[in-house]
Amino acid sequence: MSNTKPGFFMRSAGVLIGVCLLSLSGSAMATDQSQKRQEGRDVKQDAKQEARGERAACKSADDKSNSDCRQDKRDTKQDGREAKRDTKH
């Protein structure tokens, strides 16, 4: 018995087309997630740089104690983390 019936080829073609469409949609979704992660990283890195600058300015100005300067830096970094979450999700 041979599997050269027209129905066999139609089913095979349908399955092949379905697999191709699913793989294309999965890769598009992965690319979107990758872009969101990269944007989140950029936001977080910007916040870290800003926190370093604020800490240096705080220490040089001598307006606050060292622990107050550290707390300001922590707060700035935490704000950056929250912004990252907003960007990513």
PDB file of N, CA and C in Angstrom:
ATOM      1  N   MET A   1       0.833  -1.165   0.000  1.00  0.00           N
ATOM      2  CA  MET A   1       0.000   0.000   0.000  1.00  0.00           C
ATOM      3  C   MET A   1       0.884   1.237   0.000  1.00  0.00           C
ATOM      4  N   SER A   2       0.536   2.206  -0.777  1.00  0.00           N
ATOM      5  CA  SER A   2       1.350   3.405  -0.930  1.00  0.00           C
ATOM      6  C   SER A   2       0.662   4.585  -0.258  1.00  0.00           C
ATOM      7  N   ASN A   3       1.468   5.488   0.303  1.00  0.00           N
ATOM      8  CA  ASN A   3       0.933   6.684   0.944  1.00  0.00           C
ATOM      9  C   ASN A   3       0.910   7.862  -0.012  1.00  0.00           C
ATOM     10  N   THR A   4       0.702   7.641  -1.262  1.00  0.00           N
ATOM     11  CA  THR A   4       0.701   8.722  -2.244  1.00  0.00           C
ATOM     12  C   THR A   4      -0.700   9.232  -2.521  1.00  0.00           C
ATOM     13  N   LYS A   5      -1.597   9.055  -1.615  1.00  0.00           N
ATOM     14  CA  LYS A   5      -2.955   9.564  -1.779  1.00  0.00           C
ATOM     15  C   LYS A   5      -2.953  11.075  -1.636  1.00  0.00           C
ATOM     16  N   PRO A   6      -3.819  11.761  -2.365  1.00  0.00           N
ATOM     17  CA  PRO A   6      -3.861  13.230  -2.278  1.00  0.00           C
ATOM     18  C   PRO A   6      -4.173  13.741  -0.867  1.00  0.00           C
ATOM     19  N   GLY A   7      -4.946  13.044  -0.080  1.00  0.00           N
ATOM     20  CA  GLY A   7      -5.291  13.471   1.272  1.00  0.00           C
ATOM     21  C   GLY A   7      -4.081  13.515   2.183  1.00  0.00           C
ATOM     22  N   PHE A   8      -3.162  12.579   2.003  1.00  0.00           N
ATOM     23  CA  PHE A   8      -1.943  12.528   2.793  1.00  0.00           C
ATOM     24  C   PHE A   8      -1.090  13.773   2.551  1.00  0.00           C
ATOM     25  N   PHE A   9      -0.957  14.155   1.288  1.00  0.00           N
ATOM     26  CA  PHE A   9      -0.158  15.332   0.949  1.00  0.00           C
ATOM     27  C   PHE A   9      -0.796  16.612   1.465  1.00  0.00           C
ATOM     28  N   MET A  10      -2.099  16.693   1.427  1.00  0.00           N
ATOM     29  CA  MET A  10      -2.805  17.885   1.908  1.00  0.00           C
ATOM     30  C   MET A  10      -2.631  18.037   3.421  1.00  0.00           C
ATOM     31  N   ARG A  11      -2.737  16.907   4.136  1.00  0.00           N
ATOM     32  CA  ARG A  11      -2.544  16.969   5.583  1.00  0.00           C
ATOM     33  C   ARG A  11      -1.108  17.335   5.929  1.00  0.00           C
ATOM     34  N   SER A  12      -0.168  16.764   5.218  1.00  0.00           N
ATOM     35  CA  SER A  12       1.246  17.064   5.462  1.00  0.00           C
ATOM     36  C   SER A  12       1.543  18.528   5.193  1.00  0.00           C
ATOM     37  N   ALA A  13       0.998  19.054   4.118  1.00  0.00           N
ATOM     38  CA  ALA A  13       1.214  20.462   3.786  1.00  0.00           C
ATOM     39  C   ALA A  13       0.581  21.358   4.846  1.00  0.00           C
ATOM     40  N   GLY A  14      -0.602  20.990   5.311  1.00  0.00           N
ATOM     41  CA  GLY A  14      -1.270  21.776   6.353  1.00  0.00           C
ATOM     42  C   GLY A  14      -0.478  21.801   7.648  1.00  0.00           C
ATOM     43  N   VAL A  15       0.057  20.652   8.028  1.00  0.00           N
ATOM     44  CA  VAL A  15       0.862  20.578   9.245  1.00  0.00           C
ATOM     45  C   VAL A  15       2.127  21.408   9.095  1.00  0.00           C
ATOM     46  N   LEU A  16       2.764  21.310   7.939  1.00  0.00           N
ATOM     47  CA  LEU A  16       3.990  22.079   7.681  1.00  0.00           C
ATOM     48  C   LEU A  16       3.730  23.585   7.732  1.00  0.00           C
ATOM     49  N   ILE A  17       2.653  24.024   7.137  1.00  0.00           N
ATOM     50  CA  ILE A  17       2.305  25.449   7.164  1.00  0.00           C
ATOM     51  C   ILE A  17       2.012  25.897   8.601  1.00  0.00           C
ATOM     52  N   GLY A  18       1.299  25.075   9.350  1.00  0.00           N
ATOM     53  CA  GLY A  18       0.992  25.412  10.745  1.00  0.00           C
ATOM     54  C   GLY A  18       2.244  25.544  11.593  1.00  0.00           C
ATOM     55  N   VAL A  19       3.183  24.628  11.416  1.00  0.00           N
ATOM     56  CA  VAL A  19       4.436  24.687  12.166  1.00  0.00           C
ATOM     57  C   VAL A  19       5.216  25.948  11.813  1.00  0.00           C
ATOM     58  N   CYS A  20       5.267  26.289  10.538  1.00  0.00           N
ATOM     59  CA  CYS A  20       5.983  27.503  10.112  1.00  0.00           C
ATOM     60  C   CYS A  20       5.360  28.759  10.721  1.00  0.00           C
ATOM     61  N   LEU A  21       4.039  28.844  10.707  1.00  0.00           N
ATOM     62  CA  LEU A  21       3.373  30.022  11.271  1.00  0.00           C
ATOM     63  C   LEU A  21       3.607  30.140  12.769  1.00  0.00           C
ATOM     64  N   LEU A  22       3.578  29.031  13.481  1.00  0.00           N
ATOM     65  CA  LEU A  22       3.816  29.073  14.920  1.00  0.00           C
ATOM     66  C   LEU A  22       5.244  29.488  15.246  1.00  0.00           C
ATOM     67  N   SER A  23       6.189  29.002  14.470  1.00  0.00           N
ATOM     68  CA  SER A  23       7.581  29.360  14.745  1.00  0.00           C
ATOM     69  C   SER A  23       7.834  30.833  14.454  1.00  0.00           C
ATOM     70  N   LEU A  24       7.193  31.381  13.428  1.00  0.00           N
ATOM     71  CA  LEU A  24       7.371  32.800  13.126  1.00  0.00           C
ATOM     72  C   LEU A  24       6.772  33.685  14.214  1.00  0.00           C
ATOM     73  N   SER A  25       5.612  33.326  14.725  1.00  0.00           N
ATOM     74  CA  SER A  25       4.995  34.150  15.762  1.00  0.00           C
ATOM     75  C   SER A  25       5.792  34.077  17.054  1.00  0.00           C
ATOM     76  N   GLY A  26       6.384  32.932  17.357  1.00  0.00           N
ATOM     77  CA  GLY A  26       7.206  32.788  18.564  1.00  0.00           C
ATOM     78  C   GLY A  26       8.455  33.638  18.501  1.00  0.00           C
ATOM     79  N   SER A  27       9.078  33.708  17.334  1.00  0.00           N
ATOM     80  CA  SER A  27      10.295  34.516  17.220  1.00  0.00           C
ATOM     81  C   SER A  27       9.979  36.002  17.301  1.00  0.00           C
ATOM     82  N   ALA A  28       8.844  36.418  16.792  1.00  0.00           N
ATOM     83  CA  ALA A  28       8.456  37.830  16.896  1.00  0.00           C
ATOM     84  C   ALA A  28       8.203  38.208  18.350  1.00  0.00           C
ATOM     85  N   MET A  29       7.595  37.324  19.112  1.00  0.00           N
ATOM     86  CA  MET A  29       7.336  37.594  20.521  1.00  0.00           C
ATOM     87  C   MET A  29       8.647  37.655  21.307  1.00  0.00           C
ATOM     88  N   ALA A  30       9.589  36.776  20.982  1.00  0.00           N
ATOM     89  CA  ALA A  30      10.876  36.774  21.669  1.00  0.00           C
ATOM     90  C   ALA A  30      11.633  38.064  21.391  1.00  0.00           C
ATOM     91  N   THR A  31      11.546  38.572  20.175  1.00  0.00           N
ATOM     92  CA  THR A  31      12.220  39.821  19.831  1.00  0.00           C
ATOM     93  C   THR A  31      11.635  40.983  20.621  1.00  0.00           C
ATOM     94  N   ASP A  32      10.320  41.004  20.775  1.00  0.00           N
ATOM     95  CA  ASP A  32       9.661  42.066  21.548  1.00  0.00           C
ATOM     96  C   ASP A  32      10.095  42.014  23.007  1.00  0.00           C
ATOM     97  N   GLN A  33      10.157  40.813  23.573  1.00  0.00           N
ATOM     98  CA  GLN A  33      10.601  40.670  24.960  1.00  0.00           C
ATOM     99  C   GLN A  33      12.040  41.121  25.119  1.00  0.00           C
ATOM    100  N   SER A  34      12.857  40.807  24.152  1.00  0.00           N
ATOM    101  CA  SER A  34      14.265  41.204  24.195  1.00  0.00           C
ATOM    102  C   SER A  34      14.402  42.717  24.195  1.00  0.00           C
ATOM    103  N   GLN A  35      13.616  43.377  23.376  1.00  0.00           N
ATOM    104  CA  GLN A  35      13.666  44.840  23.328  1.00  0.00           C
ATOM    105  C   GLN A  35      13.217  45.448  24.646  1.00  0.00           C
ATOM    106  N   LYS A  36      12.196  44.890  25.250  1.00  0.00           N
ATOM    107  CA  LYS A  36      11.725  45.405  26.536  1.00  0.00           C
ATOM    108  C   LYS A  36      12.780  45.213  27.626  1.00  0.00           C
ATOM    109  N   ARG A  37      13.441  44.044  27.612  1.00  0.00           N
ATOM    110  CA  ARG A  37      14.505  43.810  28.597  1.00  0.00           C
ATOM    111  C   ARG A  37      15.640  44.801  28.410  1.00  0.00           C
ATOM    112  N   GLN A  38      16.009  45.067  27.165  1.00  0.00           N
ATOM    113  CA  GLN A  38      17.099  46.008  26.899  1.00  0.00           C
ATOM    114  C   GLN A  38      16.724  47.412  27.352  1.00  0.00           C
ATOM    115  N   GLU A  39      15.495  47.830  27.089  1.00  0.00           N
ATOM    116  CA  GLU A  39      15.040  49.138  27.554  1.00  0.00           C
ATOM    117  C   GLU A  39      15.091  49.216  29.081  1.00  0.00           C
ATOM    118  N   GLY A  40      14.686  48.136  29.740  1.00  0.00           N
ATOM    119  CA  GLY A  40      14.733  48.085  31.196  1.00  0.00           C
ATOM    120  C   GLY A  40      16.159  48.207  31.720  1.00  0.00           C
ATOM    121  N   ARG A  41      17.087  47.515  31.064  1.00  0.00           N
ATOM    122  CA  ARG A  41      18.503  47.610  31.471  1.00  0.00           C
ATOM    123  C   ARG A  41      19.015  49.034  31.310  1.00  0.00           C
ATOM    124  N   ASP A  42      18.649  49.655  30.188  1.00  0.00           N
ATOM    125  CA  ASP A  42      19.100  51.026  29.948  1.00  0.00           C
ATOM    126  C   ASP A  42      18.585  51.981  31.020  1.00  0.00           C
ATOM    127  N   VAL A  43      17.330  51.827  31.393  1.00  0.00           N
ATOM    128  CA  VAL A  43      16.750  52.676  32.436  1.00  0.00           C
ATOM    129  C   VAL A  43      17.487  52.472  33.755  1.00  0.00           C
ATOM    130  N   LYS A  44      17.760  51.212  34.085  1.00  0.00           N
ATOM    131  CA  LYS A  44      18.429  50.909  35.347  1.00  0.00           C
ATOM    132  C   LYS A  44      19.859  51.451  35.348  1.00  0.00           C
ATOM    133  N   GLN A  45      20.574  51.307  34.238  1.00  0.00           N
ATOM    134  CA  GLN A  45      21.942  51.821  34.166  1.00  0.00           C
ATOM    135  C   GLN A  45      21.966  53.344  34.280  1.00  0.00           C
ATOM    136  N   ASP A  46      21.004  54.005  33.659  1.00  0.00           N
ATOM    137  CA  ASP A  46      20.918  55.467  33.780  1.00  0.00           C
ATOM    138  C   ASP A  46      20.690  55.880  35.233  1.00  0.00           C
ATOM    139  N   ALA A  47      19.844  55.141  35.927  1.00  0.00           N
ATOM    140  CA  ALA A  47      19.576  55.448  37.337  1.00  0.00           C
ATOM    141  C   ALA A  47      20.832  55.251  38.185  1.00  0.00           C
ATOM    142  N   LYS A  48      21.607  54.208  37.879  1.00  0.00           N
ATOM    143  CA  LYS A  48      22.841  53.973  38.631  1.00  0.00           C
ATOM    144  C   LYS A  48      23.833  55.118  38.417  1.00  0.00           C
ATOM    145  N   GLN A  49      23.966  55.564  37.183  1.00  0.00           N
ATOM    146  CA  GLN A  49      24.872  56.681  36.899  1.00  0.00           C
ATOM    147  C   GLN A  49      24.415  57.947  37.612  1.00  0.00           C
ATOM    148  N   GLU A  50      23.116  58.192  37.581  1.00  0.00           N
ATOM    149  CA  GLU A  50      22.572  59.364  38.263  1.00  0.00           C
ATOM    150  C   GLU A  50      22.841  59.284  39.768  1.00  0.00           C
ATOM    151  N   ALA A  51      22.671  58.097  40.345  1.00  0.00           N
ATOM    152  CA  ALA A  51      22.898  57.916  41.782  1.00  0.00           C
ATOM    153  C   ALA A  51      24.360  58.167  42.139  1.00  0.00           C
ATOM    154  N   ARG A  52      25.276  57.699  41.285  1.00  0.00           N
ATOM    155  CA  ARG A  52      26.701  57.942  41.539  1.00  0.00           C
ATOM    156  C   ARG A  52      27.010  59.430  41.521  1.00  0.00           C
ATOM    157  N   GLY A  53      26.441  60.123  40.552  1.00  0.00           N
ATOM    158  CA  GLY A  53      26.663  61.566  40.452  1.00  0.00           C
ATOM    159  C   GLY A  53      26.113  62.318  41.645  1.00  0.00           C
ATOM    160  N   GLU A  54      24.911  61.927  42.062  1.00  0.00           N
ATOM    161  CA  GLU A  54      24.308  62.576  43.231  1.00  0.00           C
ATOM    162  C   GLU A  54      25.128  62.316  44.491  1.00  0.00           C
ATOM    163  N   ARG A  55      25.634  61.103  44.616  1.00  0.00           N
ATOM    164  CA  ARG A  55      26.432  60.769  45.799  1.00  0.00           C
ATOM    165  C   ARG A  55      27.711  61.590  45.824  1.00  0.00           C
ATOM    166  N   ALA A  56      28.363  61.711  44.673  1.00  0.00           N
ATOM    167  CA  ALA A  56      29.599  62.490  44.614  1.00  0.00           C
ATOM    168  C   ALA A  56      29.327  63.959  44.933  1.00  0.00           C
ATOM    169  N   ALA A  57      28.234  64.486  44.394  1.00  0.00           N
ATOM    170  CA  ALA A  57      27.884  65.879  44.661  1.00  0.00           C
ATOM    171  C   ALA A  57      27.540  66.076  46.139  1.00  0.00           C
ATOM    172  N   CYS A  58      26.855  65.114  46.714  1.00  0.00           N
ATOM    173  CA  CYS A  58      26.476  65.195  48.127  1.00  0.00           C
ATOM    174  C   CYS A  58      27.720  65.189  49.017  1.00  0.00           C
ATOM    175  N   LYS A  59      28.661  64.309  48.709  1.00  0.00           N
ATOM    176  CA  LYS A  59      29.875  64.226  49.517  1.00  0.00           C
ATOM    177  C   LYS A  59      30.718  65.493  49.392  1.00  0.00           C
ATOM    178  N   SER A  60      30.784  66.035  48.178  1.00  0.00           N
ATOM    179  CA  SER A  60      31.620  67.223  47.991  1.00  0.00           C
ATOM    180  C   SER A  60      30.977  68.477  48.586  1.00  0.00           C
ATOM    181  N   ALA A  61      29.644  68.516  48.630  1.00  0.00           N
ATOM    182  CA  ALA A  61      28.952  69.679  49.174  1.00  0.00           C
ATOM    183  C   ALA A  61      29.020  69.712  50.699  1.00  0.00           C
ATOM    184  N   ASP A  62      29.208  68.568  51.322  1.00  0.00           N
ATOM    185  CA  ASP A  62      29.308  68.461  52.776  1.00  0.00           C
ATOM    186  C   ASP A  62      28.052  68.970  53.498  1.00  0.00           C
ATOM    187  N   ASP A  63      26.913  68.892  52.829  1.00  0.00           N
ATOM    188  CA  ASP A  63      25.666  69.330  53.460  1.00  0.00           C
ATOM    189  C   ASP A  63      25.074  68.259  54.368  1.00  0.00           C
ATOM    190  N   LYS A  64      25.335  67.000  54.035  1.00  0.00           N
ATOM    191  CA  LYS A  64      24.724  65.898  54.757  1.00  0.00           C
ATOM    192  C   LYS A  64      25.804  64.959  55.269  1.00  0.00           C
ATOM    193  N   SER A  65      25.399  64.085  56.160  1.00  0.00           N
ATOM    194  CA  SER A  65      26.339  63.070  56.652  1.00  0.00           C
ATOM    195  C   SER A  65      26.521  62.002  55.574  1.00  0.00           C
ATOM    196  N   ASN A  66      27.539  61.191  55.746  1.00  0.00           N
ATOM    197  CA  ASN A  66      27.818  60.134  54.783  1.00  0.00           C
ATOM    198  C   ASN A  66      26.653  59.155  54.677  1.00  0.00           C
ATOM    199  N   SER A  67      26.029  58.845  55.806  1.00  0.00           N
ATOM    200  CA  SER A  67      24.904  57.907  55.765  1.00  0.00           C
ATOM    201  C   SER A  67      23.701  58.509  55.033  1.00  0.00           C
ATOM    202  N   ASP A  68      23.492  59.810  55.167  1.00  0.00           N
ATOM    203  CA  ASP A  68      22.401  60.461  54.425  1.00  0.00           C
ATOM    204  C   ASP A  68      22.670  60.422  52.924  1.00  0.00           C
ATOM    205  N   CYS A  69      23.939  60.637  52.551  1.00  0.00           N
ATOM    206  CA  CYS A  69      24.302  60.570  51.130  1.00  0.00           C
ATOM    207  C   CYS A  69      24.072  59.159  50.593  1.00  0.00           C
ATOM    208  N   ARG A  70      24.448  58.149  51.374  1.00  0.00           N
ATOM    209  CA  ARG A  70      24.233  56.758  50.952  1.00  0.00           C
ATOM    210  C   ARG A  70      22.751  56.464  50.793  1.00  0.00           C
ATOM    211  N   GLN A  71      21.935  56.963  51.712  1.00  0.00           N
ATOM    212  CA  GLN A  71      20.494  56.727  51.629  1.00  0.00           C
ATOM    213  C   GLN A  71      19.905  57.401  50.395  1.00  0.00           C
ATOM    214  N   ASP A  72      20.367  58.601  50.078  1.00  0.00           N
ATOM    215  CA  ASP A  72      19.901  59.267  48.858  1.00  0.00           C
ATOM    216  C   ASP A  72      20.249  58.434  47.628  1.00  0.00           C
ATOM    217  N   LYS A  73      21.456  57.866  47.631  1.00  0.00           N
ATOM    218  CA  LYS A  73      21.869  57.030  46.508  1.00  0.00           C
ATOM    219  C   LYS A  73      20.978  55.795  46.409  1.00  0.00           C
ATOM    220  N   ARG A  74      20.679  55.165  47.530  1.00  0.00           N
ATOM    221  CA  ARG A  74      19.804  53.992  47.530  1.00  0.00           C
ATOM    222  C   ARG A  74      18.414  54.342  46.997  1.00  0.00           C
ATOM    223  N   ASP A  75      17.905  55.482  47.443  1.00  0.00           N
ATOM    224  CA  ASP A  75      16.573  55.902  46.989  1.00  0.00           C
ATOM    225  C   ASP A  75      16.557  56.123  45.480  1.00  0.00           C
ATOM    226  N   THR A  76      17.605  56.751  44.969  1.00  0.00           N
ATOM    227  CA  THR A  76      17.676  56.998  43.527  1.00  0.00           C
ATOM    228  C   THR A  76      17.730  55.686  42.759  1.00  0.00           C
ATOM    229  N   LYS A  77      18.527  54.736  43.253  1.00  0.00           N
ATOM    230  CA  LYS A  77      18.609  53.441  42.583  1.00  0.00           C
ATOM    231  C   LYS A  77      17.280  52.693  42.655  1.00  0.00           C
ATOM    232  N   GLN A  78      16.578  52.820  43.782  1.00  0.00           N
ATOM    233  CA  GLN A  78      15.278  52.160  43.911  1.00  0.00           C
ATOM    234  C   GLN A  78      14.276  52.763  42.933  1.00  0.00           C
ATOM    235  N   ASP A  79      14.310  54.078  42.771  1.00  0.00           N
ATOM    236  CA  ASP A  79      13.439  54.723  41.787  1.00  0.00           C
ATOM    237  C   ASP A  79      13.733  54.188  40.393  1.00  0.00           C
ATOM    238  N   GLY A  80      15.006  53.961  40.094  1.00  0.00           N
ATOM    239  CA  GLY A  80      15.387  53.399  38.800  1.00  0.00           C
ATOM    240  C   GLY A  80      14.854  51.991  38.609  1.00  0.00           C
ATOM    241  N   ARG A  81      14.880  51.191  39.665  1.00  0.00           N
ATOM    242  CA  ARG A  81      14.344  49.828  39.582  1.00  0.00           C
ATOM    243  C   ARG A  81      12.840  49.849  39.300  1.00  0.00           C
ATOM    244  N   GLU A  82      12.151  50.776  39.961  1.00  0.00           N
ATOM    245  CA  GLU A  82      10.703  50.878  39.738  1.00  0.00           C
ATOM    246  C   GLU A  82      10.414  51.328  38.300  1.00  0.00           C
ATOM    247  N   ALA A  83      11.225  52.255  37.797  1.00  0.00           N
ATOM    248  CA  ALA A  83      11.049  52.697  36.414  1.00  0.00           C
ATOM    249  C   ALA A  83      11.322  51.545  35.449  1.00  0.00           C
ATOM    250  N   LYS A  84      12.294  50.706  35.789  1.00  0.00           N
ATOM    251  CA  LYS A  84      12.598  49.543  34.964  1.00  0.00           C
ATOM    252  C   LYS A  84      11.394  48.608  34.899  1.00  0.00           C
ATOM    253  N   ARG A  85      10.781  48.360  36.041  1.00  0.00           N
ATOM    254  CA  ARG A  85       9.600  47.489  36.069  1.00  0.00           C
ATOM    255  C   ARG A  85       8.485  48.068  35.224  1.00  0.00           C
ATOM    256  N   ASP A  86       8.290  49.380  35.299  1.00  0.00           N
ATOM    257  CA  ASP A  86       7.250  50.015  34.494  1.00  0.00           C
ATOM    258  C   ASP A  86       7.556  49.881  33.010  1.00  0.00           C
ATOM    259  N   THR A  87       8.835  49.982  32.640  1.00  0.00           N
ATOM    260  CA  THR A  87       9.229  49.873  31.247  1.00  0.00           C
ATOM    261  C   THR A  87       9.078  48.441  30.753  1.00  0.00           C
ATOM    262  N   LYS A  88       9.474  47.506  31.563  1.00  0.00           N
ATOM    263  CA  LYS A  88       9.512  46.106  31.155  1.00  0.00           C
ATOM    264  C   LYS A  88       8.121  45.485  31.067  1.00  0.00           C
ATOM    265  N   HIS A  89       7.207  45.884  31.926  1.00  0.00           N
ATOM    266  CA  HIS A  89       5.891  45.247  31.951  1.00  0.00           C
ATOM    267  C   HIS A  89       4.865  46.168  31.462  1.00  0.00           C
TER     268      HIS A  89
END
